[in-house]
Amino acid sequence: MSPKTDLGGGTLDVERAYHSNDALSSTMEPSSFSEKMITWARTSDKDYGPPPDGGLEAWGQILWSHFTVCNTWGYVTTFGVFQTHYNQMLSESPSAISWIGSVQVFLLFSIATFSGRASDAGFFRVVWGIGALLVLIGIFMASLSSTYWQLFLSQGLCLGIGSGLMFCPMLSLIPTYFSKHRSLAVGVTAAGSSTGGLVFPAVVNQLLPRIGFPWTMRVLGFLTLSMLLPSLIFFKPRMPPRKGGSIVEWGAFKDPSYLLFSIGMFFAFWGLYVAFFYIGSFAREIIGVDQAISIGLLLIMNGAGMPARILPNIVADRYTGPLNLLIPAILISSIILFCWISVAQTSNLYAFSVFYGIFSACVQSLFPASLTSMTVDLSKIGVRTGMVLTIVSFAALTGSPIAGSLVQRGNGSYLYAQCFAAASMAAGGILVTMARIRKTGPTLNARM
């Protein structure tokens, strides 16, 4: 009987995978630089043991993952700054401008189905590297853009496609390095969103009035390059390539808990980014603050979320499990969004930014950990993660533009948009609660 290693409930025949790859490598030793590069680009590592759950190499992967999230989701959480600037720069409606950011998020999520499958097949570095290149091209082309369609192509499509190619392969790498401390590792990775959400708006706020939009974007591009280049070099996939299999595993939806979780997260993400996209314009148009304060509110929202992306994951690892914390985080975020309706003063808006920043960050960081905990076979983690991310992508695509249309329909009032965001989050929280009950039963002390 060949030895087997249990990876979070899934079983991997280590000896068979090892000898199969060893036999292959003995007949295909790289003899030229090009062959060595192909070997490096395609996953071929032979360490297929259990997740090390720590160590320099494992935490190094989390650093590179943190940089990946910083330069993908960091630009998403920063889009409120661009939304406010483009409202002044372009003669387009807020709803039309929000499509730039929404398409970016949509592609980030939707491409995950394909990038996740390619990553499972052993092409992690190829997929991630192409994504990094497209992200850089999108940023630098945005610096040359002055019209709506140019920004849509560069910042929306190009940056979005690149982000999607990077995100899911990176996310599926984490469970292969961490099991016991997986939620903490995901939380540190997710904190990259707050890093980008703090650094990028601060750069824009400082440089935009001094050197203008084109060179501000180029500075952002060089910052991104400085983080993505070492990440590409030092990322190290551990799992052997998965042979065959389809891009979509339809059988996963026969699991009611997986199905309910997928639909619930659709509704949660439908309303999640409305505040991030519109907090700046709401502050300027309704409260009457200047541009510096409106950018400061977004900085506060992202900064408040930094510890909330890590601490709940520590609690999840030690005591509760990620799903048990994700549910109250979604429901409390919904309540805070309903409270946004009554905000009429700058001080109240600061309070809203802090509290929503905290609990929305909990949702974003606990979501990937909760998703991976629902997949016991790690050889399918890329596909199953990509499937849920693709479902969520349609919520991210339409949520903010719907909110923008509701602002227009309300003749500049944000009431309908606020109600839409809050109600969507509430529906998501209820459905994810149903998924948890279907998975573990109505018991309160089940760790999940």
Protein backbone atom coordinates (compact mmCIF):
# COMPACT_ATOMS: atom_id res chain seq x y z
CA MET A 1 0.00 0.00 0.00
CA SER A 2 1.45 3.37 -0.94
CA PRO A 3 1.65 5.96 1.80
CA LYS A 4 -1.01 8.66 1.73
CA THR A 5 -0.98 12.11 3.21
CA ASP A 6 -4.17 13.75 4.47
CA LEU A 7 -4.50 17.40 3.43
CA GLY A 8 -7.45 19.03 5.22
CA GLY A 9 -9.72 16.08 4.60
CA GLY A 10 -8.53 15.35 1.03
CA THR A 11 -6.24 12.38 0.26
CA LEU A 12 -3.29 12.59 -2.09
CA ASP A 13 -1.29 9.56 -3.22
CA VAL A 14 2.12 11.08 -2.58
CA GLU A 15 4.31 8.14 -3.53
CA ARG A 16 2.62 7.60 -6.89
CA ALA A 17 2.80 11.32 -7.76
CA TYR A 18 6.42 11.47 -6.68
CA HIS A 19 7.64 8.45 -8.67
CA SER A 20 5.58 9.45 -11.71
CA ASN A 21 7.21 12.86 -11.85
CA ASP A 22 10.62 11.37 -10.97
CA ALA A 23 10.42 8.97 -13.90
CA LEU A 24 9.39 11.78 -16.19
CA SER A 25 12.22 14.03 -15.04
CA SER A 26 14.81 11.27 -15.56
CA THR A 27 13.99 11.15 -19.27
CA MET A 28 13.53 14.90 -19.73
CA GLU A 29 16.43 16.60 -17.97
CA PRO A 30 16.60 20.21 -19.19
CA SER A 31 19.67 20.63 -21.38
CA SER A 32 19.29 24.21 -22.59
CA PHE A 33 18.35 27.57 -21.15
CA SER A 34 14.93 27.51 -22.84
CA GLU A 35 14.18 24.05 -21.46
CA LYS A 36 15.23 25.16 -17.99
CA MET A 37 12.91 28.15 -18.25
CA ILE A 38 10.03 25.86 -19.25
CA THR A 39 10.81 23.61 -16.30
CA TRP A 40 10.83 26.65 -13.98
CA ALA A 41 7.60 28.02 -15.42
CA ARG A 42 5.66 24.78 -15.05
CA THR A 43 5.04 23.32 -11.61
CA SER A 44 7.43 20.40 -11.11
CA ASP A 45 8.43 20.53 -7.44
CA LYS A 46 8.61 17.13 -5.74
CA ASP A 47 7.75 18.13 -2.17
CA TYR A 48 4.18 16.86 -2.00
CA GLY A 49 4.01 16.35 1.75
CA PRO A 50 1.52 17.93 4.14
CA PRO A 51 1.40 21.72 4.50
CA PRO A 52 4.40 22.89 6.57
CA ASP A 53 2.19 25.38 8.49
CA GLY A 54 5.08 27.77 9.00
CA GLY A 55 8.71 28.37 8.28
CA LEU A 56 10.55 30.97 6.22
CA GLU A 57 9.51 29.61 2.85
CA ALA A 58 5.83 29.27 3.77
CA TRP A 59 5.58 32.78 5.21
CA GLY A 60 7.55 34.06 2.25
CA GLN A 61 4.73 32.82 0.02
CA ILE A 62 2.31 34.82 2.16
CA LEU A 63 4.43 37.96 1.65
CA TRP A 64 4.28 37.53 -2.13
CA SER A 65 0.55 36.80 -1.84
CA HIS A 66 0.15 39.99 0.22
CA PHE A 67 1.84 41.92 -2.60
CA THR A 68 -0.48 40.26 -5.13
CA VAL A 69 -3.60 41.34 -3.24
CA CYS A 70 -2.11 44.81 -2.72
CA ASN A 71 -1.79 45.30 -6.47
CA THR A 72 -5.13 43.75 -7.42
CA TRP A 73 -7.67 44.44 -4.67
CA GLY A 74 -5.71 47.50 -3.58
CA TYR A 75 -6.72 49.21 -6.82
CA VAL A 76 -10.32 48.12 -6.32
CA THR A 77 -10.57 49.65 -2.83
CA THR A 78 -8.83 52.75 -4.18
CA PHE A 79 -11.30 53.27 -7.01
CA GLY A 80 -13.34 55.73 -4.97
CA VAL A 81 -10.47 58.19 -5.44
CA PHE A 82 -10.55 57.66 -9.21
CA GLN A 83 -14.36 57.84 -9.22
CA THR A 84 -14.23 61.29 -7.64
CA HIS A 85 -11.46 62.48 -9.99
CA TYR A 86 -13.12 61.12 -13.12
CA ASN A 87 -16.41 62.79 -12.14
CA GLN A 88 -14.55 66.09 -12.60
CA MET A 89 -12.29 65.00 -15.46
CA LEU A 90 -14.89 63.36 -17.71
CA SER A 91 -18.33 64.45 -18.86
CA GLU A 92 -19.89 61.13 -17.86
CA SER A 93 -22.46 60.10 -15.26
CA PRO A 94 -21.33 58.51 -11.96
CA SER A 95 -22.98 55.27 -13.06
CA ALA A 96 -21.01 55.19 -16.32
CA ILE A 97 -17.73 55.91 -14.53
CA SER A 98 -18.39 53.20 -11.96
CA TRP A 99 -18.44 50.66 -14.80
CA ILE A 100 -14.66 51.09 -15.05
CA GLY A 101 -14.19 49.85 -11.50
CA SER A 102 -16.98 47.29 -11.71
CA VAL A 103 -15.59 45.69 -14.86
CA GLN A 104 -12.21 45.54 -13.14
CA VAL A 105 -13.71 43.63 -10.20
CA PHE A 106 -15.83 41.45 -12.51
CA LEU A 107 -12.81 40.33 -14.50
CA LEU A 108 -10.77 39.85 -11.34
CA PHE A 109 -13.37 37.35 -10.18
CA SER A 110 -14.68 35.81 -13.42
CA ILE A 111 -11.34 34.89 -14.97
CA ALA A 112 -10.65 32.93 -11.79
CA THR A 113 -12.42 29.86 -13.22
CA PHE A 114 -9.90 29.61 -16.05
CA SER A 115 -6.82 30.81 -14.17
CA GLY A 116 -7.62 28.43 -11.31
CA ARG A 117 -7.85 25.45 -13.66
CA ALA A 118 -4.61 26.42 -15.40
CA SER A 119 -2.94 26.75 -12.01
CA ASP A 120 -4.15 23.27 -11.01
CA ALA A 121 -2.69 21.95 -14.29
CA GLY A 122 0.76 23.19 -13.29
CA PHE A 123 0.98 26.56 -15.06
CA PHE A 124 0.95 28.78 -11.98
CA ARG A 125 3.95 30.93 -12.92
CA VAL A 126 2.88 31.33 -16.55
CA VAL A 127 -0.64 32.45 -15.66
CA TRP A 128 0.45 34.68 -12.77
CA GLY A 129 3.28 36.23 -14.83
CA ILE A 130 1.01 37.11 -17.75
CA GLY A 131 -1.42 38.64 -15.27
CA ALA A 132 1.31 40.77 -13.70
CA LEU A 133 2.36 42.01 -17.14
CA LEU A 134 -1.21 42.99 -18.03
CA VAL A 135 -1.65 44.82 -14.71
CA LEU A 136 1.45 46.90 -15.44
CA ILE A 137 0.35 47.57 -19.03
CA GLY A 138 -3.08 48.66 -17.79
CA ILE A 139 -1.65 51.11 -15.27
CA PHE A 140 0.85 52.68 -17.66
CA MET A 141 -1.72 52.90 -20.47
CA ALA A 142 -4.13 54.59 -18.06
CA SER A 143 -1.47 57.26 -17.58
CA LEU A 144 -1.81 58.04 -21.30
CA SER A 145 -5.62 58.07 -21.25
CA SER A 146 -7.78 61.16 -21.36
CA THR A 147 -11.16 59.84 -22.53
CA TYR A 148 -13.72 57.49 -21.02
CA TRP A 149 -13.21 54.64 -23.47
CA GLN A 150 -9.42 54.79 -23.05
CA LEU A 151 -9.74 54.50 -19.27
CA PHE A 152 -12.32 51.74 -19.66
CA LEU A 153 -9.94 49.69 -21.82
CA SER A 154 -6.83 50.29 -19.71
CA GLN A 155 -8.02 50.52 -16.11
CA GLY A 156 -11.17 48.44 -16.55
CA LEU A 157 -10.36 45.67 -19.03
CA CYS A 158 -6.57 45.35 -19.05
CA LEU A 159 -6.04 45.83 -15.31
CA GLY A 160 -9.06 43.62 -14.59
CA ILE A 161 -7.90 40.73 -16.79
CA GLY A 162 -4.41 40.89 -15.32
CA SER A 163 -5.77 40.92 -11.78
CA GLY A 164 -7.98 37.90 -12.49
CA LEU A 165 -5.03 35.92 -13.84
CA MET A 166 -3.04 36.64 -10.68
CA PHE A 167 -5.65 36.35 -7.93
CA CYS A 168 -7.07 32.82 -8.04
CA PRO A 169 -3.75 30.98 -8.59
CA MET A 170 -2.32 32.89 -5.64
CA LEU A 171 -5.35 32.09 -3.48
CA SER A 172 -5.19 28.36 -4.28
CA LEU A 173 -1.51 28.31 -3.29
CA ILE A 174 -2.16 29.19 0.37
CA PRO A 175 -3.88 25.94 1.49
CA THR A 176 -0.89 23.95 0.22
CA TYR A 177 1.37 25.74 2.72
CA PHE A 178 -1.00 26.18 5.67
CA SER A 179 -3.61 23.96 7.32
CA LYS A 180 -3.80 24.68 11.04
CA HIS A 181 -2.98 28.38 10.55
CA ARG A 182 -4.73 28.72 7.20
CA SER A 183 -7.15 31.47 8.25
CA LEU A 184 -4.29 33.56 9.64
CA ALA A 185 -2.33 33.11 6.42
CA VAL A 186 -5.37 34.15 4.37
CA GLY A 187 -5.89 37.15 6.67
CA VAL A 188 -2.32 38.38 6.26
CA THR A 189 -2.71 37.92 2.52
CA ALA A 190 -6.03 39.78 2.45
CA ALA A 191 -4.47 42.65 4.40
CA GLY A 192 -2.74 43.50 1.14
CA SER A 193 -6.02 45.10 0.10
CA SER A 194 -5.70 47.56 2.99
CA THR A 195 -2.02 48.13 2.19
CA GLY A 196 -2.93 49.11 -1.35
CA GLY A 197 -5.99 51.00 -0.11
CA LEU A 198 -3.74 53.12 2.12
CA VAL A 199 -0.69 53.56 -0.12
CA PHE A 200 -2.34 54.23 -3.48
CA PRO A 201 -4.86 56.90 -2.35
CA ALA A 202 -2.11 58.62 -0.34
CA VAL A 203 0.10 58.70 -3.44
CA VAL A 204 -2.76 60.06 -5.54
CA ASN A 205 -3.65 62.66 -2.91
CA GLN A 206 -0.07 63.91 -2.66
CA LEU A 207 1.01 63.76 -6.30
CA LEU A 208 -2.13 64.51 -8.32
CA PRO A 209 -2.19 68.26 -7.55
CA ARG A 210 1.60 68.52 -8.05
CA ILE A 211 2.52 66.45 -11.10
CA GLY A 212 -0.86 65.71 -12.67
CA PHE A 213 -2.72 62.52 -13.50
CA PRO A 214 -0.33 60.96 -16.08
CA TRP A 215 2.77 60.97 -13.88
CA THR A 216 0.78 60.01 -10.79
CA MET A 217 -0.31 56.84 -12.59
CA ARG A 218 3.27 56.15 -13.70
CA VAL A 219 4.47 56.40 -10.11
CA LEU A 220 1.79 53.88 -9.15
CA GLY A 221 2.99 51.66 -11.99
CA PHE A 222 6.58 51.67 -10.76
CA LEU A 223 5.42 50.92 -7.21
CA THR A 224 3.47 47.96 -8.55
CA LEU A 225 6.47 46.73 -10.55
CA SER A 226 8.68 46.83 -7.44
CA MET A 227 6.30 44.43 -5.67
CA LEU A 228 5.31 42.08 -8.49
CA LEU A 229 8.78 41.33 -9.88
CA PRO A 230 10.18 39.63 -6.74
CA SER A 231 6.84 37.86 -6.27
CA LEU A 232 7.12 36.25 -9.71
CA ILE A 233 10.66 35.10 -8.98
CA PHE A 234 10.05 33.61 -5.52
CA PHE A 235 6.54 32.12 -5.73
CA LYS A 236 6.84 28.32 -5.36
CA PRO A 237 3.84 26.03 -6.03
CA ARG A 238 3.90 22.75 -4.07
CA MET A 239 1.11 20.59 -5.46
CA PRO A 240 1.77 18.30 -8.45
CA PRO A 241 -0.04 19.21 -11.67
CA ARG A 242 -3.58 17.87 -11.81
CA LYS A 243 -4.13 15.92 -15.02
CA GLY A 244 -7.39 16.28 -16.92
CA GLY A 245 -10.60 17.51 -15.39
CA SER A 246 -13.04 20.13 -16.55
CA ILE A 247 -12.95 23.87 -16.03
CA VAL A 248 -16.22 23.69 -14.10
CA GLU A 249 -17.03 20.91 -11.64
CA TRP A 250 -20.81 20.89 -11.86
CA GLY A 251 -21.03 18.18 -9.23
CA ALA A 252 -19.97 20.71 -6.60
CA PHE A 253 -23.39 22.36 -6.84
CA LYS A 254 -25.05 19.13 -5.74
CA ASP A 255 -23.75 20.00 -2.29
CA PRO A 256 -26.52 22.27 -0.89
CA SER A 257 -24.15 24.05 1.48
CA TYR A 258 -21.75 24.92 -1.38
CA LEU A 259 -24.67 26.14 -3.51
CA LEU A 260 -26.17 28.28 -0.72
CA PHE A 261 -22.76 29.70 0.12
CA SER A 262 -22.18 30.66 -3.53
CA ILE A 263 -25.56 32.42 -3.85
CA GLY A 264 -25.18 34.08 -0.45
CA MET A 265 -21.80 35.54 -1.35
CA PHE A 266 -23.30 36.82 -4.62
CA PHE A 267 -25.77 38.94 -2.66
CA ALA A 268 -23.13 40.01 -0.13
CA PHE A 269 -20.76 41.24 -2.84
CA TRP A 270 -23.64 42.90 -4.69
CA GLY A 271 -23.69 45.56 -2.01
CA LEU A 272 -20.19 45.31 -0.54
CA TYR A 273 -18.32 47.81 -2.75
CA VAL A 274 -21.02 50.46 -3.08
CA ALA A 275 -19.65 52.42 -0.12
CA PHE A 276 -16.06 52.08 -1.35
CA PHE A 277 -17.00 53.48 -4.76
CA TYR A 278 -19.33 56.26 -3.62
CA ILE A 279 -18.12 57.41 -0.20
CA GLY A 280 -16.06 60.19 -1.81
CA SER A 281 -18.79 61.54 -4.07
CA PHE A 282 -21.37 61.22 -1.25
CA ALA A 283 -19.10 63.24 1.04
CA ARG A 284 -18.61 66.00 -1.52
CA GLU A 285 -22.12 66.20 -2.95
CA ILE A 286 -24.26 65.54 0.16
CA ILE A 287 -22.08 66.54 3.12
CA GLY A 288 -20.18 69.27 1.27
CA VAL A 289 -16.56 68.44 2.17
CA ASP A 290 -13.53 69.18 -0.03
CA GLN A 291 -11.53 66.65 -2.06
CA ALA A 292 -8.84 66.13 0.60
CA ILE A 293 -11.41 65.10 3.20
CA SER A 294 -13.25 62.84 0.74
CA ILE A 295 -9.98 61.00 0.00
CA GLY A 296 -9.23 60.92 3.72
CA LEU A 297 -12.50 59.11 4.35
CA LEU A 298 -11.48 56.36 1.94
CA LEU A 299 -8.08 56.15 3.63
CA ILE A 300 -9.80 55.77 7.00
CA MET A 301 -12.09 53.08 5.63
CA ASN A 302 -9.16 51.11 4.25
CA GLY A 303 -6.92 51.76 7.26
CA ALA A 304 -9.56 50.62 9.75
CA GLY A 305 -9.82 47.40 7.81
CA MET A 306 -6.13 46.50 8.18
CA PRO A 307 -6.34 44.80 11.63
CA ALA A 308 -9.79 43.46 10.76
CA ARG A 309 -8.25 41.41 7.95
CA ILE A 310 -5.89 39.64 10.36
CA LEU A 311 -7.34 39.45 13.90
CA PRO A 312 -10.61 37.66 12.99
CA ASN A 313 -8.58 35.06 11.12
CA ILE A 314 -6.47 34.41 14.23
CA VAL A 315 -9.69 33.87 16.20
CA ALA A 316 -11.02 31.65 13.41
CA ASP A 317 -7.88 29.50 13.46
CA ARG A 318 -7.88 29.02 17.21
CA TYR A 319 -11.52 28.92 18.20
CA THR A 320 -14.40 29.29 15.76
CA GLY A 321 -13.52 28.56 12.16
CA PRO A 322 -13.87 31.24 9.45
CA LEU A 323 -17.51 30.68 8.45
CA ASN A 324 -18.77 31.23 11.99
CA LEU A 325 -17.22 34.71 11.93
CA LEU A 326 -18.08 35.50 8.31
CA ILE A 327 -21.83 35.33 8.98
CA PRO A 328 -21.98 38.01 11.71
CA ALA A 329 -19.52 40.15 9.74
CA ILE A 330 -21.91 40.21 6.75
CA LEU A 331 -24.97 40.92 8.89
CA ILE A 332 -23.27 43.71 10.88
CA SER A 333 -22.02 45.26 7.61
CA SER A 334 -25.63 45.30 6.45
CA ILE A 335 -26.73 47.10 9.63
CA ILE A 336 -23.96 49.69 9.20
CA LEU A 337 -25.05 50.31 5.60
CA PHE A 338 -28.60 50.92 6.81
CA CYS A 339 -27.14 53.42 9.32
CA TRP A 340 -25.46 55.21 6.39
CA ILE A 341 -28.92 56.45 5.42
CA SER A 342 -29.04 58.72 8.49
CA VAL A 343 -25.55 60.20 8.05
CA ALA A 344 -25.80 63.97 7.60
CA GLN A 345 -22.66 65.35 9.27
CA THR A 346 -18.93 64.96 8.70
CA SER A 347 -18.36 63.46 12.15
CA ASN A 348 -21.01 60.81 11.49
CA LEU A 349 -19.42 60.04 8.14
CA TYR A 350 -16.05 59.48 9.83
CA ALA A 351 -17.71 57.03 12.23
CA PHE A 352 -19.41 55.23 9.35
CA SER A 353 -16.08 54.94 7.49
CA VAL A 354 -14.38 53.40 10.53
CA PHE A 355 -17.05 50.84 11.35
CA TYR A 356 -17.82 49.86 7.78
CA GLY A 357 -14.10 49.63 7.05
CA ILE A 358 -13.70 47.18 9.94
CA PHE A 359 -16.59 44.84 9.20
CA SER A 360 -16.39 44.92 5.41
CA ALA A 361 -12.72 43.99 5.77
CA CYS A 362 -13.76 41.03 7.91
CA VAL A 363 -16.08 39.91 5.12
CA GLN A 364 -13.37 40.19 2.47
CA SER A 365 -10.70 38.37 4.49
CA LEU A 366 -12.92 35.61 5.91
CA PHE A 367 -14.57 34.87 2.55
CA PRO A 368 -11.55 33.08 0.97
CA ALA A 369 -10.82 31.12 4.16
CA SER A 370 -14.48 30.07 4.41
CA LEU A 371 -14.45 29.05 0.76
CA THR A 372 -11.34 26.89 1.05
CA SER A 373 -12.75 25.23 4.18
CA MET A 374 -15.64 23.93 2.05
CA THR A 375 -13.27 22.07 -0.29
CA VAL A 376 -11.65 19.00 1.25
CA ASP A 377 -9.82 17.81 -1.90
CA LEU A 378 -6.95 20.25 -2.36
CA SER A 379 -6.32 19.03 -5.92
CA LYS A 380 -9.66 20.70 -6.82
CA ILE A 381 -9.18 23.85 -4.78
CA GLY A 382 -8.34 26.00 -7.81
CA VAL A 383 -11.42 24.94 -9.77
CA ARG A 384 -13.88 25.20 -6.88
CA THR A 385 -12.47 28.53 -5.76
CA GLY A 386 -12.69 29.84 -9.30
CA MET A 387 -16.31 28.73 -9.64
CA VAL A 388 -17.46 30.73 -6.62
CA LEU A 389 -15.36 33.73 -7.63
CA THR A 390 -16.97 33.66 -11.07
CA ILE A 391 -20.45 33.68 -9.53
CA VAL A 392 -19.47 36.56 -7.27
CA SER A 393 -18.01 38.43 -10.26
CA PHE A 394 -21.46 39.14 -11.69
CA ALA A 395 -22.47 40.75 -8.40
CA ALA A 396 -19.34 42.89 -8.42
CA LEU A 397 -19.97 43.84 -12.06
CA THR A 398 -23.51 45.11 -11.56
CA GLY A 399 -23.66 46.26 -7.92
CA SER A 400 -21.98 49.66 -8.15
CA PRO A 401 -23.49 50.65 -11.53
CA ILE A 402 -26.94 49.76 -10.16
CA ALA A 403 -26.21 51.99 -7.18
CA GLY A 404 -25.10 54.77 -9.54
CA SER A 405 -28.30 54.45 -11.55
CA LEU A 406 -30.31 54.64 -8.32
CA VAL A 407 -28.49 57.87 -7.41
CA GLN A 408 -29.49 59.32 -10.79
CA ARG A 409 -33.06 58.09 -10.41
CA GLY A 410 -33.18 59.76 -7.01
CA ASN A 411 -32.07 63.08 -8.55
CA GLY A 412 -28.78 63.01 -6.67
CA SER A 413 -30.13 61.41 -3.50
CA TYR A 414 -28.19 58.35 -2.30
CA LEU A 415 -31.13 56.85 -0.38
CA TYR A 416 -32.08 54.19 -2.92
CA ALA A 417 -28.45 53.19 -3.44
CA GLN A 418 -27.90 52.89 0.31
CA CYS A 419 -31.00 50.72 0.72
CA PHE A 420 -29.94 48.52 -2.19
CA ALA A 421 -26.47 47.92 -0.71
CA ALA A 422 -27.78 47.24 2.79
CA ALA A 423 -30.58 44.90 1.68
CA SER A 424 -28.22 42.93 -0.56
CA MET A 425 -25.79 42.39 2.30
CA ALA A 426 -28.65 41.30 4.58
CA ALA A 427 -29.86 38.73 2.04
CA GLY A 428 -26.32 37.44 1.66
CA GLY A 429 -25.93 37.02 5.41
CA ILE A 430 -29.16 35.03 5.65
CA LEU A 431 -28.21 32.68 2.80
CA VAL A 432 -24.70 32.04 4.16
CA THR A 433 -26.29 31.28 7.53
CA MET A 434 -28.48 28.70 5.78
CA ALA A 435 -25.37 27.21 4.16
CA ARG A 436 -23.73 26.83 7.54
CA ILE A 437 -26.82 25.17 9.04
CA ARG A 438 -27.03 22.80 6.07
CA LYS A 439 -23.36 21.88 6.55
CA THR A 440 -23.22 21.41 10.33
CA GLY A 441 -26.82 21.42 11.53
CA PRO A 442 -28.39 24.05 13.83
CA THR A 443 -25.78 23.55 16.57
CA LEU A 444 -23.95 26.71 17.65
CA ASN A 445 -20.69 25.15 18.81
CA ALA A 446 -19.71 23.44 15.54
CA ARG A 447 -16.39 24.76 14.25
CA MET A 448 -16.70 25.74 10.60
